[in-house]
Amino acid sequence: MKAEINIEEVKANAVHSELLKAMCLINQARNIVSGAMDEKELRDVGQWDCLDETVTKLNECTCDIGYIIGVTVIGRVELMMR
């Protein structure tokens, strides 16, 4: 185990950038769908429940990706500490 931790190295190498990008895009999609829920046209055609379910699924995806990022960060930090 390393005696000293280089925080800058950890910050630069710990996060999986593609998964982080995916999480940001999922959040962006969720915000778009959530915003669409307020549109009268979509409410009038009875699609509010479908949109609500879509927002829920996107939230679940965000949680899943966040978990994977966390596990990946832990693994990468452990490797850097050897």
Protein backbone atom coordinates (compact mmCIF):
# COMPACT_ATOMS: atom_id res chain seq x y z
CA MET A 1 0.00 0.00 0.00
CA LYS A 2 1.24 3.46 -0.86
CA ALA A 3 2.28 5.64 2.04
CA GLU A 4 1.03 8.83 0.41
CA ILE A 5 -2.15 9.55 -1.52
CA ASN A 6 -1.98 11.81 -4.56
CA ILE A 7 -5.45 13.36 -4.51
CA GLU A 8 -5.01 14.89 -7.99
CA GLU A 9 -4.20 11.46 -9.43
CA VAL A 10 -7.23 9.98 -7.72
CA LYS A 11 -9.48 12.76 -9.06
CA ALA A 12 -8.09 12.39 -12.57
CA ASN A 13 -8.23 8.61 -12.79
CA ALA A 14 -10.93 7.33 -10.46
CA VAL A 15 -14.13 8.24 -12.28
CA HIS A 16 -15.13 6.35 -15.43
CA SER A 17 -15.75 9.28 -17.78
CA GLU A 18 -18.04 7.44 -20.22
CA LEU A 19 -20.34 6.29 -17.42
CA LEU A 20 -20.36 9.80 -15.99
CA LYS A 21 -21.31 11.11 -19.44
CA ALA A 22 -24.11 8.52 -19.63
CA MET A 23 -25.41 9.61 -16.23
CA CYS A 24 -25.47 13.25 -17.33
CA LEU A 25 -27.35 12.36 -20.53
CA ILE A 26 -29.88 10.27 -18.60
CA ASN A 27 -30.43 13.18 -16.20
CA GLN A 28 -30.89 15.51 -19.16
CA ALA A 29 -33.44 13.13 -20.73
CA ARG A 30 -35.29 12.87 -17.42
CA ASN A 31 -35.50 16.65 -17.17
CA ILE A 32 -36.85 16.89 -20.72
CA VAL A 33 -39.51 14.24 -20.12
CA SER A 34 -40.39 15.75 -16.75
CA GLY A 35 -40.82 19.14 -18.41
CA ALA A 36 -43.04 17.62 -21.09
CA MET A 37 -45.39 16.36 -18.39
CA ASP A 38 -46.64 19.93 -17.97
CA GLU A 39 -47.68 20.23 -21.61
CA LYS A 40 -51.45 20.42 -21.97
CA GLU A 41 -51.44 18.47 -25.24
CA LEU A 42 -49.81 15.43 -23.61
CA ARG A 43 -52.09 15.60 -20.58
CA ASP A 44 -55.15 15.87 -22.82
CA VAL A 45 -54.28 12.68 -24.73
CA GLY A 46 -53.86 10.77 -21.48
CA GLN A 47 -50.10 10.27 -21.57
CA TRP A 48 -49.24 11.72 -18.16
CA ASP A 49 -49.00 8.26 -16.54
CA CYS A 50 -46.71 7.01 -19.29
CA LEU A 51 -44.48 10.06 -18.92
CA ASP A 52 -44.44 9.64 -15.14
CA GLU A 53 -43.38 6.01 -15.53
CA THR A 54 -40.66 7.05 -17.97
CA VAL A 55 -39.30 9.59 -15.46
CA THR A 56 -39.29 6.87 -12.79
CA LYS A 57 -37.38 4.48 -15.06
CA LEU A 58 -34.85 7.16 -15.95
CA ASN A 59 -34.37 7.86 -12.21
CA GLU A 60 -33.75 4.14 -11.68
CA CYS A 61 -31.21 4.15 -14.52
CA THR A 62 -29.43 7.08 -12.89
CA CYS A 63 -29.26 5.17 -9.61
CA ASP A 64 -27.91 2.07 -11.36
CA ILE A 65 -25.24 4.04 -13.22
CA GLY A 66 -24.34 5.86 -9.99
CA TYR A 67 -23.86 2.52 -8.25
CA ILE A 68 -21.66 1.23 -11.08
CA ILE A 69 -19.60 4.45 -11.00
CA GLY A 70 -19.17 4.07 -7.24
CA VAL A 71 -17.99 0.47 -7.52
CA THR A 72 -15.64 1.43 -10.36
CA VAL A 73 -14.20 4.33 -8.35
CA ILE A 74 -13.55 2.07 -5.37
CA GLY A 75 -11.79 -0.48 -7.59
CA ARG A 76 -9.65 2.13 -9.30
CA VAL A 77 -8.67 3.80 -6.02
CA GLU A 78 -7.71 0.43 -4.56
CA LEU A 79 -5.48 -0.25 -7.57
CA MET A 80 -3.84 3.18 -7.26
CA MET A 81 -3.16 2.56 -3.58
CA ARG A 82 -1.11 -0.58 -4.23
